[in-house]
Amino acid sequence: MAEILATKTPLPGRPVPGTFAAVRAEALFASSVQPSWSPSPDLVRRAVTTTLRRLGTRGCAAQVAGEFGDHPDTAVARMRWALAAVTAVYPVPSLTSAPGPWPLARAS
């Protein structure tokens, strides 16, 4: 599922999540945390970490796939929430602030 989320063509006006965001969203989706709880950033991070440790990336993806197969109507809303929560909690680093590549040593 992470590969699918990371490579889909975006809808107009909507960014495509990167691989890390997709994996984290799957873990949050597979966790017991509910959107109605309005979880804090700390709770989202703990849920992602705990679920990834418990299920692994493949286990999270399998659980997400199962939910989309069994309950597609509610799974879409939950994944939308999980992606939004992960995006808010784990901001994407700016490319402008990243240092450039290390210079290669030149051999004489």
PDB file of N, CA and C in Angstrom:
ATOM      1  N   MET A   1       0.827  -1.188   0.000  1.00  0.00           N
ATOM      2  CA  MET A   1       0.000   0.000   0.000  1.00  0.00           C
ATOM      3  C   MET A   1       0.867   1.246   0.000  1.00  0.00           C
ATOM      4  N   ALA A   2       1.969   1.245   0.757  1.00  0.00           N
ATOM      5  CA  ALA A   2       2.845   2.415   0.787  1.00  0.00           C
ATOM      6  C   ALA A   2       3.356   2.732  -0.603  1.00  0.00           C
ATOM      7  N   GLU A   3       3.687   1.692  -1.363  1.00  0.00           N
ATOM      8  CA  GLU A   3       4.181   1.919  -2.706  1.00  0.00           C
ATOM      9  C   GLU A   3       3.092   2.538  -3.570  1.00  0.00           C
ATOM     10  N   ILE A   4       1.860   2.090  -3.393  1.00  0.00           N
ATOM     11  CA  ILE A   4       0.749   2.633  -4.161  1.00  0.00           C
ATOM     12  C   ILE A   4       0.535   4.093  -3.793  1.00  0.00           C
ATOM     13  N   LEU A   5       0.485   4.396  -2.501  1.00  0.00           N
ATOM     14  CA  LEU A   5       0.277   5.773  -2.059  1.00  0.00           C
ATOM     15  C   LEU A   5       1.402   6.681  -2.512  1.00  0.00           C
ATOM     16  N   ALA A   6       2.611   6.175  -2.533  1.00  0.00           N
ATOM     17  CA  ALA A   6       3.773   6.995  -2.872  1.00  0.00           C
ATOM     18  C   ALA A   6       3.921   7.226  -4.374  1.00  0.00           C
ATOM     19  N   THR A   7       3.252   6.437  -5.220  1.00  0.00           N
ATOM     20  CA  THR A   7       3.453   6.580  -6.649  1.00  0.00           C
ATOM     21  C   THR A   7       2.207   6.990  -7.409  1.00  0.00           C
ATOM     22  N   LYS A   8       1.092   7.159  -6.756  1.00  0.00           N
ATOM     23  CA  LYS A   8      -0.134   7.559  -7.433  1.00  0.00           C
ATOM     24  C   LYS A   8      -0.007   8.970  -7.992  1.00  0.00           C
ATOM     25  N   THR A   9      -0.692   9.231  -9.078  1.00  0.00           N
ATOM     26  CA  THR A   9      -0.764  10.573  -9.630  1.00  0.00           C
ATOM     27  C   THR A   9      -1.669  11.393  -8.729  1.00  0.00           C
ATOM     28  N   PRO A  10      -1.223  12.586  -8.325  1.00  0.00           N
ATOM     29  CA  PRO A  10      -2.027  13.365  -7.397  1.00  0.00           C
ATOM     30  C   PRO A  10      -3.288  13.926  -8.038  1.00  0.00           C
ATOM     31  N   LEU A  11      -4.294  14.117  -7.213  1.00  0.00           N
ATOM     32  CA  LEU A  11      -5.473  14.840  -7.658  1.00  0.00           C
ATOM     33  C   LEU A  11      -5.100  16.312  -7.714  1.00  0.00           C
ATOM     34  N   PRO A  12      -5.741  17.074  -8.552  1.00  0.00           N
ATOM     35  CA  PRO A  12      -5.408  18.497  -8.624  1.00  0.00           C
ATOM     36  C   PRO A  12      -5.509  19.161  -7.247  1.00  0.00           C
ATOM     37  N   GLY A  13      -4.459  19.866  -6.874  1.00  0.00           N
ATOM     38  CA  GLY A  13      -4.448  20.571  -5.598  1.00  0.00           C
ATOM     39  C   GLY A  13      -4.114  19.714  -4.398  1.00  0.00           C
ATOM     40  N   ARG A  14      -3.809  18.434  -4.602  1.00  0.00           N
ATOM     41  CA  ARG A  14      -3.481  17.555  -3.484  1.00  0.00           C
ATOM     42  C   ARG A  14      -2.121  16.922  -3.704  1.00  0.00           C
ATOM     43  N   PRO A  15      -1.219  17.072  -2.734  1.00  0.00           N
ATOM     44  CA  PRO A  15       0.109  16.486  -2.889  1.00  0.00           C
ATOM     45  C   PRO A  15       0.074  14.975  -2.686  1.00  0.00           C
ATOM     46  N   VAL A  16       1.009  14.291  -3.293  1.00  0.00           N
ATOM     47  CA  VAL A  16       1.154  12.851  -3.117  1.00  0.00           C
ATOM     48  C   VAL A  16       2.060  12.626  -1.916  1.00  0.00           C
ATOM     49  N   PRO A  17       1.647  11.771  -0.975  1.00  0.00           N
ATOM     50  CA  PRO A  17       2.521  11.530   0.174  1.00  0.00           C
ATOM     51  C   PRO A  17       3.771  10.772  -0.247  1.00  0.00           C
ATOM     52  N   GLY A  18       4.878  11.061   0.429  1.00  0.00           N
ATOM     53  CA  GLY A  18       6.102  10.320   0.193  1.00  0.00           C
ATOM     54  C   GLY A  18       6.014   8.963   0.852  1.00  0.00           C
ATOM     55  N   THR A  19       7.014   8.148   0.652  1.00  0.00           N
ATOM     56  CA  THR A  19       6.998   6.796   1.199  1.00  0.00           C
ATOM     57  C   THR A  19       6.927   6.791   2.719  1.00  0.00           C
ATOM     58  N   PHE A  20       7.719   7.653   3.389  1.00  0.00           N
ATOM     59  CA  PHE A  20       7.683   7.684   4.850  1.00  0.00           C
ATOM     60  C   PHE A  20       6.308   8.099   5.342  1.00  0.00           C
ATOM     61  N   ALA A  21       5.720   9.104   4.710  1.00  0.00           N
ATOM     62  CA  ALA A  21       4.385   9.558   5.116  1.00  0.00           C
ATOM     63  C   ALA A  21       3.358   8.452   4.899  1.00  0.00           C
ATOM     64  N   ALA A  22       3.469   7.734   3.803  1.00  0.00           N
ATOM     65  CA  ALA A  22       2.524   6.656   3.519  1.00  0.00           C
ATOM     66  C   ALA A  22       2.638   5.537   4.548  1.00  0.00           C
ATOM     67  N   VAL A  23       3.858   5.149   4.892  1.00  0.00           N
ATOM     68  CA  VAL A  23       4.064   4.088   5.892  1.00  0.00           C
ATOM     69  C   VAL A  23       3.546   4.539   7.250  1.00  0.00           C
ATOM     70  N   ARG A  24       3.841   5.770   7.621  1.00  0.00           N
ATOM     71  CA  ARG A  24       3.347   6.291   8.904  1.00  0.00           C
ATOM     72  C   ARG A  24       1.824   6.359   8.915  1.00  0.00           C
ATOM     73  N   ALA A  25       1.226   6.781   7.808  1.00  0.00           N
ATOM     74  CA  ALA A  25      -0.235   6.860   7.725  1.00  0.00           C
ATOM     75  C   ALA A  25      -0.852   5.465   7.841  1.00  0.00           C
ATOM     76  N   GLU A  26      -0.233   4.483   7.211  1.00  0.00           N
ATOM     77  CA  GLU A  26      -0.733   3.113   7.345  1.00  0.00           C
ATOM     78  C   GLU A  26      -0.653   2.642   8.787  1.00  0.00           C
ATOM     79  N   ALA A  27       0.433   2.977   9.468  1.00  0.00           N
ATOM     80  CA  ALA A  27       0.574   2.581  10.873  1.00  0.00           C
ATOM     81  C   ALA A  27      -0.472   3.268  11.739  1.00  0.00           C
ATOM     82  N   LEU A  28      -0.706   4.541  11.514  1.00  0.00           N
ATOM     83  CA  LEU A  28      -1.729   5.249  12.280  1.00  0.00           C
ATOM     84  C   LEU A  28      -3.101   4.684  11.968  1.00  0.00           C
ATOM     85  N   PHE A  29      -3.354   4.402  10.706  1.00  0.00           N
ATOM     86  CA  PHE A  29      -4.615   3.783  10.280  1.00  0.00           C
ATOM     87  C   PHE A  29      -4.832   2.459  11.026  1.00  0.00           C
ATOM     88  N   ALA A  30      -3.774   1.653  11.134  1.00  0.00           N
ATOM     89  CA  ALA A  30      -3.869   0.332  11.760  1.00  0.00           C
ATOM     90  C   ALA A  30      -3.878   0.393  13.282  1.00  0.00           C
ATOM     91  N   SER A  31      -3.591   1.549  13.853  1.00  0.00           N
ATOM     92  CA  SER A  31      -3.566   1.685  15.314  1.00  0.00           C
ATOM     93  C   SER A  31      -4.988   1.788  15.865  1.00  0.00           C
ATOM     94  N   SER A  32      -5.083   1.820  17.175  1.00  0.00           N
ATOM     95  CA  SER A  32      -6.395   1.951  17.822  1.00  0.00           C
ATOM     96  C   SER A  32      -6.812   3.409  18.004  1.00  0.00           C
ATOM     97  N   VAL A  33      -5.944   4.348  17.646  1.00  0.00           N
ATOM     98  CA  VAL A  33      -6.250   5.775  17.806  1.00  0.00           C
ATOM     99  C   VAL A  33      -7.404   6.148  16.883  1.00  0.00           C
ATOM    100  N   GLN A  34      -8.343   6.899  17.424  1.00  0.00           N
ATOM    101  CA  GLN A  34      -9.514   7.316  16.665  1.00  0.00           C
ATOM    102  C   GLN A  34      -9.469   8.811  16.358  1.00  0.00           C
ATOM    103  N   PRO A  35      -9.944   9.213  15.180  1.00  0.00           N
ATOM    104  CA  PRO A  35      -9.975  10.638  14.849  1.00  0.00           C
ATOM    105  C   PRO A  35     -10.790  11.449  15.849  1.00  0.00           C
ATOM    106  N   SER A  36     -11.827  10.858  16.396  1.00  0.00           N
ATOM    107  CA  SER A  36     -12.694  11.573  17.343  1.00  0.00           C
ATOM    108  C   SER A  36     -11.967  11.948  18.625  1.00  0.00           C
ATOM    109  N   TRP A  37     -10.815  11.330  18.880  1.00  0.00           N
ATOM    110  CA  TRP A  37     -10.034  11.660  20.070  1.00  0.00           C
ATOM    111  C   TRP A  37      -9.280  12.980  19.904  1.00  0.00           C
ATOM    112  N   SER A  38      -9.195  13.491  18.691  1.00  0.00           N
ATOM    113  CA  SER A  38      -8.351  14.659  18.390  1.00  0.00           C
ATOM    114  C   SER A  38      -6.977  14.446  19.018  1.00  0.00           C
ATOM    115  N   PRO A  39      -6.269  13.390  18.575  1.00  0.00           N
ATOM    116  CA  PRO A  39      -5.003  13.028  19.213  1.00  0.00           C
ATOM    117  C   PRO A  39      -3.939  14.121  19.109  1.00  0.00           C
ATOM    118  N   SER A  40      -3.172  14.231  20.161  1.00  0.00           N
ATOM    119  CA  SER A  40      -2.056  15.181  20.180  1.00  0.00           C
ATOM    120  C   SER A  40      -0.949  14.658  19.263  1.00  0.00           C
ATOM    121  N   PRO A  41      -0.049  15.536  18.858  1.00  0.00           N
ATOM    122  CA  PRO A  41       1.083  15.072  18.041  1.00  0.00           C
ATOM    123  C   PRO A  41       1.883  13.963  18.726  1.00  0.00           C
ATOM    124  N   ASP A  42       2.034  14.067  20.047  1.00  0.00           N
ATOM    125  CA  ASP A  42       2.771  13.035  20.772  1.00  0.00           C
ATOM    126  C   ASP A  42       2.050  11.694  20.698  1.00  0.00           C
ATOM    127  N   LEU A  43       0.731  11.693  20.823  1.00  0.00           N
ATOM    128  CA  LEU A  43      -0.029  10.448  20.738  1.00  0.00           C
ATOM    129  C   LEU A  43       0.068   9.856  19.338  1.00  0.00           C
ATOM    130  N   VAL A  44       0.020  10.690  18.319  1.00  0.00           N
ATOM    131  CA  VAL A  44       0.151  10.204  16.936  1.00  0.00           C
ATOM    132  C   VAL A  44       1.516   9.550  16.744  1.00  0.00           C
ATOM    133  N   ARG A  45       2.582  10.208  17.213  1.00  0.00           N
ATOM    134  CA  ARG A  45       3.936   9.629  17.084  1.00  0.00           C
ATOM    135  C   ARG A  45       4.044   8.295  17.819  1.00  0.00           C
ATOM    136  N   ARG A  46       3.513   8.243  19.042  1.00  0.00           N
ATOM    137  CA  ARG A  46       3.574   6.987  19.806  1.00  0.00           C
ATOM    138  C   ARG A  46       2.773   5.891  19.131  1.00  0.00           C
ATOM    139  N   ALA A  47       1.600   6.228  18.595  1.00  0.00           N
ATOM    140  CA  ALA A  47       0.770   5.225  17.920  1.00  0.00           C
ATOM    141  C   ALA A  47       1.480   4.687  16.680  1.00  0.00           C
ATOM    142  N   VAL A  48       2.093   5.573  15.913  1.00  0.00           N
ATOM    143  CA  VAL A  48       2.820   5.154  14.714  1.00  0.00           C
ATOM    144  C   VAL A  48       3.969   4.232  15.096  1.00  0.00           C
ATOM    145  N   THR A  49       4.766   4.643  16.069  1.00  0.00           N
ATOM    146  CA  THR A  49       5.919   3.852  16.486  1.00  0.00           C
ATOM    147  C   THR A  49       5.496   2.499  17.046  1.00  0.00           C
ATOM    148  N   THR A  50       4.522   2.512  17.923  1.00  0.00           N
ATOM    149  CA  THR A  50       4.057   1.266  18.552  1.00  0.00           C
ATOM    150  C   THR A  50       3.478   0.303  17.527  1.00  0.00           C
ATOM    151  N   THR A  51       2.679   0.825  16.612  1.00  0.00           N
ATOM    152  CA  THR A  51       2.049  -0.038  15.611  1.00  0.00           C
ATOM    153  C   THR A  51       3.072  -0.599  14.636  1.00  0.00           C
ATOM    154  N   LEU A  52       4.044   0.222  14.239  1.00  0.00           N
ATOM    155  CA  LEU A  52       5.093  -0.297  13.350  1.00  0.00           C
ATOM    156  C   LEU A  52       5.919  -1.376  14.037  1.00  0.00           C
ATOM    157  N   ARG A  53       6.200  -1.194  15.307  1.00  0.00           N
ATOM    158  CA  ARG A  53       6.951  -2.232  16.042  1.00  0.00           C
ATOM    159  C   ARG A  53       6.134  -3.507  16.185  1.00  0.00           C
ATOM    160  N   ARG A  54       4.839  -3.356  16.402  1.00  0.00           N
ATOM    161  CA  ARG A  54       3.964  -4.512  16.636  1.00  0.00           C
ATOM    162  C   ARG A  54       3.673  -5.270  15.341  1.00  0.00           C
ATOM    163  N   LEU A  55       3.352  -4.544  14.265  1.00  0.00           N
ATOM    164  CA  LEU A  55       2.923  -5.198  13.030  1.00  0.00           C
ATOM    165  C   LEU A  55       3.970  -5.203  11.921  1.00  0.00           C
ATOM    166  N   GLY A  56       4.904  -4.242  11.961  1.00  0.00           N
ATOM    167  CA  GLY A  56       5.843  -4.087  10.856  1.00  0.00           C
ATOM    168  C   GLY A  56       5.153  -3.400   9.686  1.00  0.00           C
ATOM    169  N   THR A  57       5.925  -3.019   8.689  1.00  0.00           N
ATOM    170  CA  THR A  57       5.337  -2.304   7.551  1.00  0.00           C
ATOM    171  C   THR A  57       4.379  -3.185   6.757  1.00  0.00           C
ATOM    172  N   ARG A  58       4.737  -4.437   6.581  1.00  0.00           N
ATOM    173  CA  ARG A  58       3.866  -5.355   5.830  1.00  0.00           C
ATOM    174  C   ARG A  58       2.580  -5.650   6.580  1.00  0.00           C
ATOM    175  N   GLY A  59       2.682  -5.786   7.896  1.00  0.00           N
ATOM    176  CA  GLY A  59       1.481  -6.035   8.693  1.00  0.00           C
ATOM    177  C   GLY A  59       0.526  -4.856   8.652  1.00  0.00           C
ATOM    178  N   CYS A  60       1.077  -3.646   8.710  1.00  0.00           N
ATOM    179  CA  CYS A  60       0.243  -2.446   8.610  1.00  0.00           C
ATOM    180  C   CYS A  60      -0.440  -2.396   7.247  1.00  0.00           C
ATOM    181  N   ALA A  61       0.329  -2.649   6.197  1.00  0.00           N
ATOM    182  CA  ALA A  61      -0.228  -2.628   4.843  1.00  0.00           C
ATOM    183  C   ALA A  61      -1.320  -3.685   4.687  1.00  0.00           C
ATOM    184  N   ALA A  62      -1.102  -4.855   5.259  1.00  0.00           N
ATOM    185  CA  ALA A  62      -2.101  -5.923   5.169  1.00  0.00           C
ATOM    186  C   ALA A  62      -3.383  -5.529   5.892  1.00  0.00           C
ATOM    187  N   GLN A  63      -3.245  -4.899   7.041  1.00  0.00           N
ATOM    188  CA  GLN A  63      -4.430  -4.487   7.793  1.00  0.00           C
ATOM    189  C   GLN A  63      -5.194  -3.394   7.034  1.00  0.00           C
ATOM    190  N   VAL A  64      -4.463  -2.458   6.460  1.00  0.00           N
ATOM    191  CA  VAL A  64      -5.099  -1.402   5.667  1.00  0.00           C
ATOM    192  C   VAL A  64      -5.830  -2.019   4.474  1.00  0.00           C
ATOM    193  N   ALA A  65      -5.174  -2.927   3.771  1.00  0.00           N
ATOM    194  CA  ALA A  65      -5.798  -3.569   2.616  1.00  0.00           C
ATOM    195  C   ALA A  65      -7.058  -4.318   3.012  1.00  0.00           C
ATOM    196  N   GLY A  66      -7.004  -5.010   4.140  1.00  0.00           N
ATOM    197  CA  GLY A  66      -8.174  -5.727   4.624  1.00  0.00           C
ATOM    198  C   GLY A  66      -9.348  -4.806   4.914  1.00  0.00           C
ATOM    199  N   GLU A  67      -9.049  -3.682   5.532  1.00  0.00           N
ATOM    200  CA  GLU A  67     -10.110  -2.716   5.837  1.00  0.00           C
ATOM    201  C   GLU A  67     -10.692  -2.103   4.568  1.00  0.00           C
ATOM    202  N   PHE A  68      -9.836  -1.831   3.585  1.00  0.00           N
ATOM    203  CA  PHE A  68     -10.351  -1.289   2.330  1.00  0.00           C
ATOM    204  C   PHE A  68     -11.199  -2.332   1.606  1.00  0.00           C
ATOM    205  N   GLY A  69     -10.864  -3.607   1.761  1.00  0.00           N
ATOM    206  CA  GLY A  69     -11.671  -4.655   1.152  1.00  0.00           C
ATOM    207  C   GLY A  69     -12.984  -4.864   1.874  1.00  0.00           C
ATOM    208  N   ASP A  70     -12.957  -4.820   3.203  1.00  0.00           N
ATOM    209  CA  ASP A  70     -14.157  -5.092   4.001  1.00  0.00           C
ATOM    210  C   ASP A  70     -15.051  -3.870   4.185  1.00  0.00           C
ATOM    211  N   HIS A  71     -14.454  -2.708   4.373  1.00  0.00           N
ATOM    212  CA  HIS A  71     -15.217  -1.490   4.681  1.00  0.00           C
ATOM    213  C   HIS A  71     -14.661  -0.298   3.904  1.00  0.00           C
ATOM    214  N   PRO A  72     -14.766  -0.300   2.575  1.00  0.00           N
ATOM    215  CA  PRO A  72     -14.162   0.773   1.801  1.00  0.00           C
ATOM    216  C   PRO A  72     -14.715   2.158   2.124  1.00  0.00           C
ATOM    217  N   ASP A  73     -15.982   2.233   2.474  1.00  0.00           N
ATOM    218  CA  ASP A  73     -16.587   3.535   2.760  1.00  0.00           C
ATOM    219  C   ASP A  73     -15.960   4.202   3.981  1.00  0.00           C
ATOM    220  N   THR A  74     -15.702   3.448   5.040  1.00  0.00           N
ATOM    221  CA  THR A  74     -15.093   4.033   6.237  1.00  0.00           C
ATOM    222  C   THR A  74     -13.567   4.070   6.138  1.00  0.00           C
ATOM    223  N   ALA A  75     -12.991   3.155   5.381  1.00  0.00           N
ATOM    224  CA  ALA A  75     -11.526   3.118   5.249  1.00  0.00           C
ATOM    225  C   ALA A  75     -11.008   4.361   4.540  1.00  0.00           C
ATOM    226  N   VAL A  76     -11.721   4.852   3.566  1.00  0.00           N
ATOM    227  CA  VAL A  76     -11.284   6.044   2.837  1.00  0.00           C
ATOM    228  C   VAL A  76     -11.198   7.235   3.787  1.00  0.00           C
ATOM    229  N   ALA A  77     -12.231   7.422   4.595  1.00  0.00           N
ATOM    230  CA  ALA A  77     -12.238   8.537   5.544  1.00  0.00           C
ATOM    231  C   ALA A  77     -11.122   8.390   6.576  1.00  0.00           C
ATOM    232  N   ARG A  78     -10.891   7.161   7.050  1.00  0.00           N
ATOM    233  CA  ARG A  78      -9.839   6.950   8.044  1.00  0.00           C
ATOM    234  C   ARG A  78      -8.457   7.204   7.443  1.00  0.00           C
ATOM    235  N   MET A  79      -8.217   6.763   6.212  1.00  0.00           N
ATOM    236  CA  MET A  79      -6.919   7.006   5.590  1.00  0.00           C
ATOM    237  C   MET A  79      -6.720   8.490   5.319  1.00  0.00           C
ATOM    238  N   ARG A  80      -7.778   9.163   4.913  1.00  0.00           N
ATOM    239  CA  ARG A  80      -7.673  10.613   4.694  1.00  0.00           C
ATOM    240  C   ARG A  80      -7.258  11.305   5.997  1.00  0.00           C
ATOM    241  N   TRP A  81      -7.881  10.902   7.113  1.00  0.00           N
ATOM    242  CA  TRP A  81      -7.531  11.460   8.420  1.00  0.00           C
ATOM    243  C   TRP A  81      -6.094  11.098   8.786  1.00  0.00           C
ATOM    244  N   ALA A  82      -5.717   9.843   8.587  1.00  0.00           N
ATOM    245  CA  ALA A  82      -4.363   9.398   8.953  1.00  0.00           C
ATOM    246  C   ALA A  82      -3.300  10.164   8.162  1.00  0.00           C
ATOM    247  N   LEU A  83      -3.524  10.356   6.884  1.00  0.00           N
ATOM    248  CA  LEU A  83      -2.563  11.118   6.068  1.00  0.00           C
ATOM    249  C   LEU A  83      -2.467  12.568   6.530  1.00  0.00           C
ATOM    250  N   ALA A  84      -3.603  13.167   6.853  1.00  0.00           N
ATOM    251  CA  ALA A  84      -3.596  14.554   7.326  1.00  0.00           C
ATOM    252  C   ALA A  84      -2.884  14.661   8.670  1.00  0.00           C
ATOM    253  N   ALA A  85      -3.136  13.719   9.561  1.00  0.00           N
ATOM    254  CA  ALA A  85      -2.506  13.736  10.887  1.00  0.00           C
ATOM    255  C   ALA A  85      -0.995  13.554  10.762  1.00  0.00           C
ATOM    256  N   VAL A  86      -0.575  12.617   9.951  1.00  0.00           N
ATOM    257  CA  VAL A  86       0.851  12.356   9.768  1.00  0.00           C
ATOM    258  C   VAL A  86       1.534  13.562   9.128  1.00  0.00           C
ATOM    259  N   THR A  87       0.895  14.162   8.159  1.00  0.00           N
ATOM    260  CA  THR A  87       1.463  15.346   7.505  1.00  0.00           C
ATOM    261  C   THR A  87       1.629  16.489   8.496  1.00  0.00           C
ATOM    262  N   ALA A  88       0.674  16.636   9.405  1.00  0.00           N
ATOM    263  CA  ALA A  88       0.756  17.702  10.406  1.00  0.00           C
ATOM    264  C   ALA A  88       1.828  17.424  11.452  1.00  0.00           C
ATOM    265  N   VAL A  89       1.994  16.169  11.824  1.00  0.00           N
ATOM    266  CA  VAL A  89       2.920  15.807  12.899  1.00  0.00           C
ATOM    267  C   VAL A  89       4.354  15.645  12.407  1.00  0.00           C
ATOM    268  N   TYR A  90       4.517  15.129  11.202  1.00  0.00           N
ATOM    269  CA  TYR A  90       5.841  14.910  10.627  1.00  0.00           C
ATOM    270  C   TYR A  90       6.001  15.822   9.408  1.00  0.00           C
ATOM    271  N   PRO A  91       6.335  17.094   9.618  1.00  0.00           N
ATOM    272  CA  PRO A  91       6.455  17.988   8.467  1.00  0.00           C
ATOM    273  C   PRO A  91       7.598  17.563   7.547  1.00  0.00           C
ATOM    274  N   VAL A  92       7.394  17.801   6.278  1.00  0.00           N
ATOM    275  CA  VAL A  92       8.404  17.473   5.278  1.00  0.00           C
ATOM    276  C   VAL A  92       9.505  18.519   5.364  1.00  0.00           C
ATOM    277  N   PRO A  93      10.764  18.097   5.487  1.00  0.00           N
ATOM    278  CA  PRO A  93      11.851  19.072   5.554  1.00  0.00           C
ATOM    279  C   PRO A  93      11.962  19.863   4.254  1.00  0.00           C
ATOM    280  N   SER A  94      12.280  21.104   4.392  1.00  0.00           N
ATOM    281  CA  SER A  94      12.421  21.975   3.236  1.00  0.00           C
ATOM    282  C   SER A  94      13.680  21.609   2.464  1.00  0.00           C
ATOM    283  N   LEU A  95      13.566  21.572   1.165  1.00  0.00           N
ATOM    284  CA  LEU A  95      14.733  21.260   0.335  1.00  0.00           C
ATOM    285  C   LEU A  95      15.698  22.435   0.289  1.00  0.00           C
ATOM    286  N   THR A  96      15.194  23.647   0.526  1.00  0.00           N
ATOM    287  CA  THR A  96      16.073  24.805   0.475  1.00  0.00           C
ATOM    288  C   THR A  96      16.994  24.882   1.682  1.00  0.00           C
ATOM    289  N   SER A  97      16.592  24.269   2.806  1.00  0.00           N
ATOM    290  CA  SER A  97      17.432  24.327   3.995  1.00  0.00           C
ATOM    291  C   SER A  97      18.411  23.158   4.080  1.00  0.00           C
ATOM    292  N   ALA A  98      18.251  22.189   3.187  1.00  0.00           N
ATOM    293  CA  ALA A  98      19.133  21.022   3.205  1.00  0.00           C
ATOM    294  C   ALA A  98      20.492  21.406   2.625  1.00  0.00           C
ATOM    295  N   PRO A  99      21.546  20.924   3.246  1.00  0.00           N
ATOM    296  CA  PRO A  99      22.874  21.221   2.695  1.00  0.00           C
ATOM    297  C   PRO A  99      23.062  20.510   1.363  1.00  0.00           C
ATOM    298  N   GLY A 100      23.918  21.075   0.553  1.00  0.00           N
ATOM    299  CA  GLY A 100      24.209  20.482  -0.743  1.00  0.00           C
ATOM    300  C   GLY A 100      25.020  19.211  -0.592  1.00  0.00           C
ATOM    301  N   PRO A 101      25.281  18.535  -1.688  1.00  0.00           N
ATOM    302  CA  PRO A 101      26.071  17.302  -1.618  1.00  0.00           C
ATOM    303  C   PRO A 101      27.499  17.609  -1.179  1.00  0.00           C
ATOM    304  N   TRP A 102      28.077  16.652  -0.517  1.00  0.00           N
ATOM    305  CA  TRP A 102      29.468  16.808  -0.080  1.00  0.00           C
ATOM    306  C   TRP A 102      30.348  16.856  -1.301  1.00  0.00           C
ATOM    307  N   PRO A 103      31.325  17.752  -1.311  1.00  0.00           N
ATOM    308  CA  PRO A 103      32.234  17.799  -2.467  1.00  0.00           C
ATOM    309  C   PRO A 103      33.089  16.537  -2.515  1.00  0.00           C
ATOM    310  N   LEU A 104      33.317  16.069  -3.693  1.00  0.00           N
ATOM    311  CA  LEU A 104      34.162  14.894  -3.866  1.00  0.00           C
ATOM    312  C   LEU A 104      35.616  15.320  -3.849  1.00  0.00           C
ATOM    313  N   ALA A 105      36.436  14.504  -3.236  1.00  0.00           N
ATOM    314  CA  ALA A 105      37.881  14.801  -3.208  1.00  0.00           C
ATOM    315  C   ALA A 105      38.429  14.558  -4.604  1.00  0.00           C
ATOM    316  N   ARG A 106      39.263  15.440  -5.035  1.00  0.00           N
ATOM    317  CA  ARG A 106      39.851  15.300  -6.368  1.00  0.00           C
ATOM    318  C   ARG A 106      41.219  14.628  -6.246  1.00  0.00           C
ATOM    319  N   ALA A 107      41.397  13.656  -7.094  1.00  0.00           N
ATOM    320  CA  ALA A 107      42.703  12.992  -7.135  1.00  0.00           C
ATOM    321  C   ALA A 107      43.596  13.744  -8.113  1.00  0.00           C
ATOM    322  N   SER A 108      44.837  13.917  -7.746  1.00  0.00           N
ATOM    323  CA  SER A 108      45.759  14.658  -8.642  1.00  0.00           C
ATOM    324  C   SER A 108      46.350  13.748  -9.659  1.00  0.00           C
TER     325      SER A 108
END
